[in-house]
Every structure is written in C-alpha cells, then in structure tokens.
Amino acid sequence: MAQQRLPMRKIRDVLRLSAAGLSKRQIAASLGIGPTAAGACLHRAREAGVGWPVPDDLDDAALERRLYPVPTTTANRRSLPDWPAIHRELRRKGVTLQLVWEEYRATHPEGYGRSWFCDLYRAWEGRLSPTMRQAHVAGEKLFVDYAGTTIDIVDATTGEVHACQLFVAALGASSLTRVRQCEQSSN
C-alpha cells in the first residue's frame, strides 16, 4: 500500500537534522515518522541534489517538484490481448489458458507473463454477465446436455472398464437435475 508523502515542513526538518549529523533512526524518533520514511526522504534529496540549507529560491512547491518529479513514462507498452477472441478460443475442445498464453507470447514476446495474463483474463471474464434469465412453465421444457467425450466407469465387483457417454438433464422451471451414464456399444 502506498503511503502518503511527508509534509514539506517535515522534509525540511529531515534535511536539517541530517546535516546536523543525526542518523535516520534519530531523525525518525525526533520527528515522529518511520525510519524508512526518513531514509526515503534523504535518498530522494540526494538524487535531486538538494541538501541543507535548502536554497532560498526553492519554495515548498518547487522543492516538491524536485523531490517527486512526474514520471516520464506512464504508458504501458505491452500489447493488450484480444479478450473476446481468447474467450471464444477457450470454448473449443482441448484449448486451455496456458495454450492461449503461449500463442500470445509467440506473437508478442514483450507481452505479459503467464500469471499476469491469467489475472487480466479472469478480471475481464468477471465483467461478463454469466446469467440469462428465462421464464419457464413447469414441465414444459427439459434441457439436455451431452458431454461429448467418453468417461471410463470401473465395475467395482469385476474390475471391468466400461466406456460411457454422459448426459445431463434439467427441468426448466424446477432446476431438478438428472445425470445418466449410457454404456457405449462395442460394435
């Protein structure tokens, strides 16, 4: 979590006490700030070439501009992936986020690393509306889904392996679910 900047009065006091020979810990104790804040203030002053006494032409606003310059590069130069296209790709059989990321890095070597890519995709996906409200009359519709790939069911008594298809059905109004396995014929 980013902390707030010290007030200019305290920054001037840090510089004054440092010039008097006090350590970071002594400065921090006398001003009621943390030693890390005192050290960071002294580091910024060294980088900006500011010492004690502060030149008369540096008022508080000018001193703040010297110690906290505006960053010159704010744009992210990484190319942002096409999230809708990635989302469509992930619906295809056998396509994983790892494979999509590898393709992205092959075309954009300077692009995001895997974990950040996945985080960005999950954040984008979280903005999608996953629900579609529909009114159903009881017993009017039955929704059936077929898993597509077979699953192996092992008979506990014989140890025989059966390749099965998986079907899932739900009644529209009640949301009762029924799952049934159907053994695949061997001919």
Protein backbone atom coordinates (compact mmCIF):
# COMPACT_ATOMS: atom_id res chain seq x y z
CA MET A 1 0.00 0.00 0.00
CA ALA A 2 1.44 3.38 -1.00
CA GLN A 3 1.95 5.75 1.89
CA GLN A 4 1.28 9.48 1.87
CA ARG A 5 4.14 11.88 1.33
CA LEU A 6 5.64 13.71 4.23
CA PRO A 7 4.65 17.37 4.51
CA MET A 8 7.27 19.79 3.19
CA ARG A 9 7.87 21.11 6.72
CA LYS A 10 8.92 17.62 7.87
CA ILE A 11 11.03 17.08 4.75
CA ARG A 12 12.91 20.30 5.51
CA ASP A 13 13.34 19.11 9.13
CA VAL A 14 14.71 15.75 7.91
CA LEU A 15 17.29 17.57 5.77
CA ARG A 16 18.22 19.91 8.62
CA LEU A 17 18.64 17.10 11.17
CA SER A 18 20.62 15.01 8.69
CA ALA A 19 23.00 17.93 8.13
CA ALA A 20 23.37 18.18 11.92
CA GLY A 21 24.73 14.60 11.91
CA LEU A 22 21.75 12.62 13.23
CA SER A 23 21.11 9.08 11.96
CA LYS A 24 17.92 8.01 10.18
CA ARG A 25 16.64 6.41 13.39
CA GLN A 26 17.36 9.52 15.45
CA ILE A 27 15.68 11.73 12.84
CA ALA A 28 12.66 9.44 12.75
CA ALA A 29 12.33 9.41 16.54
CA SER A 30 12.59 13.18 16.86
CA LEU A 31 10.04 13.88 14.09
CA GLY A 32 7.61 11.06 14.87
CA ILE A 33 8.00 9.34 11.50
CA GLY A 34 9.29 5.94 10.48
CA PRO A 35 12.98 5.35 9.80
CA THR A 36 12.09 4.09 6.32
CA ALA A 37 10.29 7.36 5.56
CA ALA A 38 13.28 9.36 6.78
CA GLY A 39 15.66 7.25 4.68
CA ALA A 40 13.46 7.55 1.60
CA CYS A 41 13.32 11.32 2.04
CA LEU A 42 17.12 11.54 2.31
CA HIS A 43 17.52 9.26 -0.73
CA ARG A 44 15.20 11.44 -2.83
CA ALA A 45 17.06 14.58 -1.70
CA ARG A 46 20.42 13.04 -2.68
CA GLU A 47 19.05 12.06 -6.12
CA ALA A 48 17.61 15.55 -6.65
CA GLY A 49 20.84 17.22 -5.48
CA VAL A 50 19.15 19.02 -2.61
CA GLY A 51 20.95 19.49 0.70
CA TRP A 52 20.79 21.64 3.81
CA PRO A 53 20.42 24.56 3.79
CA VAL A 54 17.79 24.44 1.07
CA PRO A 55 18.40 27.22 -1.49
CA ASP A 56 16.24 30.30 -0.95
CA ASP A 57 14.79 30.09 -4.44
CA LEU A 58 13.20 26.70 -3.64
CA ASP A 59 9.79 27.27 -2.09
CA ASP A 60 7.71 24.29 -0.95
CA ALA A 61 6.11 23.69 -4.37
CA ALA A 62 9.47 23.82 -6.20
CA LEU A 63 11.08 21.54 -3.62
CA GLU A 64 8.25 19.04 -4.01
CA ARG A 65 8.63 19.09 -7.80
CA ARG A 66 12.36 18.35 -7.43
CA LEU A 67 11.91 15.55 -4.90
CA TYR A 68 8.83 13.99 -6.54
CA PRO A 69 9.13 14.55 -10.30
CA VAL A 70 6.29 13.47 -12.56
CA PRO A 71 7.11 10.09 -14.13
CA THR A 72 8.04 10.43 -17.79
CA THR A 73 6.73 7.04 -18.97
CA THR A 74 3.16 6.33 -17.92
CA ALA A 75 2.02 4.32 -20.94
CA ASN A 76 2.06 0.55 -20.80
CA ARG A 77 3.86 -0.57 -23.94
CA ARG A 78 2.66 -4.17 -23.74
CA SER A 79 0.06 -5.10 -26.29
CA LEU A 80 -3.26 -5.95 -24.70
CA PRO A 81 -4.66 -9.30 -25.85
CA ASP A 82 -7.98 -9.57 -27.70
CA TRP A 83 -10.03 -10.90 -24.77
CA PRO A 84 -13.23 -11.71 -26.72
CA ALA A 85 -11.22 -13.77 -29.23
CA ILE A 86 -9.43 -15.56 -26.38
CA HIS A 87 -12.76 -16.25 -24.71
CA ARG A 88 -14.08 -17.80 -27.93
CA GLU A 89 -10.92 -19.90 -28.30
CA LEU A 90 -11.26 -21.27 -24.78
CA ARG A 91 -14.67 -22.70 -25.67
CA ARG A 92 -13.06 -25.05 -28.19
CA LYS A 93 -12.28 -28.59 -27.14
CA GLY A 94 -8.78 -29.07 -25.74
CA VAL A 95 -7.88 -25.35 -25.62
CA THR A 96 -6.51 -24.15 -22.29
CA LEU A 97 -5.46 -20.75 -21.00
CA GLN A 98 -1.85 -22.00 -20.98
CA LEU A 99 -2.02 -22.74 -24.73
CA VAL A 100 -3.61 -19.38 -25.49
CA TRP A 101 -0.93 -17.59 -23.46
CA GLU A 102 1.85 -19.47 -25.28
CA GLU A 103 0.38 -18.36 -28.63
CA TYR A 104 0.14 -14.79 -27.32
CA ARG A 105 3.79 -14.80 -26.20
CA ALA A 106 4.88 -16.27 -29.54
CA THR A 107 3.37 -13.30 -31.36
CA HIS A 108 4.14 -10.72 -28.61
CA PRO A 109 7.46 -11.61 -26.92
CA GLU A 110 7.37 -8.39 -24.87
CA GLY A 111 3.85 -9.25 -23.66
CA TYR A 112 2.52 -10.19 -20.25
CA GLY A 113 3.87 -13.10 -18.24
CA ARG A 114 1.62 -16.10 -17.65
CA SER A 115 0.33 -15.22 -14.19
CA TRP A 116 -0.43 -11.59 -15.07
CA PHE A 117 -2.05 -12.69 -18.35
CA CYS A 118 -4.30 -15.11 -16.42
CA ASP A 119 -5.15 -12.43 -13.84
CA LEU A 120 -6.08 -9.96 -16.59
CA TYR A 121 -8.21 -12.57 -18.36
CA ARG A 122 -10.02 -13.51 -15.12
CA ALA A 123 -10.69 -9.81 -14.43
CA TRP A 124 -12.06 -9.36 -17.96
CA GLU A 125 -14.13 -12.53 -17.67
CA GLY A 126 -15.54 -11.32 -14.36
CA ARG A 127 -17.16 -8.39 -16.14
CA LEU A 128 -19.18 -10.71 -18.38
CA SER A 129 -22.79 -11.39 -17.45
CA PRO A 130 -22.97 -15.16 -16.92
CA THR A 131 -26.74 -15.35 -16.46
CA MET A 132 -29.65 -15.20 -18.84
CA ARG A 133 -33.00 -15.02 -17.09
CA GLN A 134 -35.75 -17.03 -18.76
CA ALA A 135 -39.24 -17.79 -17.51
CA HIS A 136 -40.28 -21.46 -17.85
CA VAL A 137 -43.62 -23.10 -17.36
CA ALA A 138 -43.34 -26.17 -15.12
CA GLY A 139 -42.88 -29.38 -17.10
CA GLU A 140 -42.81 -27.60 -20.45
CA LYS A 141 -39.09 -27.85 -21.24
CA LEU A 142 -36.32 -30.28 -20.47
CA PHE A 143 -32.77 -29.10 -21.13
CA VAL A 144 -30.29 -31.84 -22.05
CA ASP A 145 -26.54 -31.53 -22.40
CA TYR A 146 -24.17 -34.12 -23.80
CA ALA A 147 -20.59 -34.08 -22.52
CA GLY A 148 -19.16 -35.25 -25.86
CA THR A 149 -16.20 -37.26 -24.63
CA THR A 150 -16.47 -40.68 -23.06
CA ILE A 151 -15.65 -41.44 -19.47
CA ASP A 152 -14.46 -44.73 -18.04
CA ILE A 153 -16.58 -46.39 -15.37
CA VAL A 154 -14.96 -49.29 -13.48
CA ASP A 155 -17.23 -52.05 -12.24
CA ALA A 156 -16.30 -52.46 -8.57
CA THR A 157 -17.07 -56.18 -8.46
CA THR A 158 -15.49 -57.37 -11.70
CA GLY A 159 -12.93 -54.63 -12.34
CA GLU A 160 -14.21 -54.34 -15.92
CA VAL A 161 -13.84 -50.89 -17.50
CA HIS A 162 -16.85 -49.54 -19.43
CA ALA A 163 -16.57 -46.53 -21.79
CA CYS A 164 -19.67 -44.42 -21.14
CA GLN A 165 -21.31 -41.31 -22.55
CA LEU A 166 -22.51 -38.67 -20.09
CA PHE A 167 -25.85 -36.86 -20.40
CA VAL A 168 -27.15 -34.20 -18.00
CA ALA A 169 -30.77 -33.00 -17.99
CA ALA A 170 -32.55 -30.28 -16.03
CA LEU A 171 -36.19 -29.25 -15.92
CA GLY A 172 -36.52 -25.58 -16.76
CA ALA A 173 -38.90 -24.49 -14.02
CA SER A 174 -37.72 -26.67 -11.14
CA SER A 175 -33.98 -26.88 -11.83
CA LEU A 176 -34.02 -30.53 -10.78
CA THR A 177 -31.02 -32.24 -12.33
CA ARG A 178 -30.67 -35.81 -13.56
CA VAL A 179 -27.41 -37.36 -14.70
CA ARG A 180 -27.32 -40.62 -16.60
CA GLN A 181 -24.48 -42.65 -17.97
CA CYS A 182 -25.05 -44.66 -21.10
CA GLU A 183 -22.73 -47.53 -21.86
CA GLN A 184 -21.22 -47.29 -25.29
CA SER A 185 -21.84 -50.29 -27.50
CA SER A 186 -18.73 -52.18 -28.51
CA ASN A 187 -19.83 -52.99 -32.08
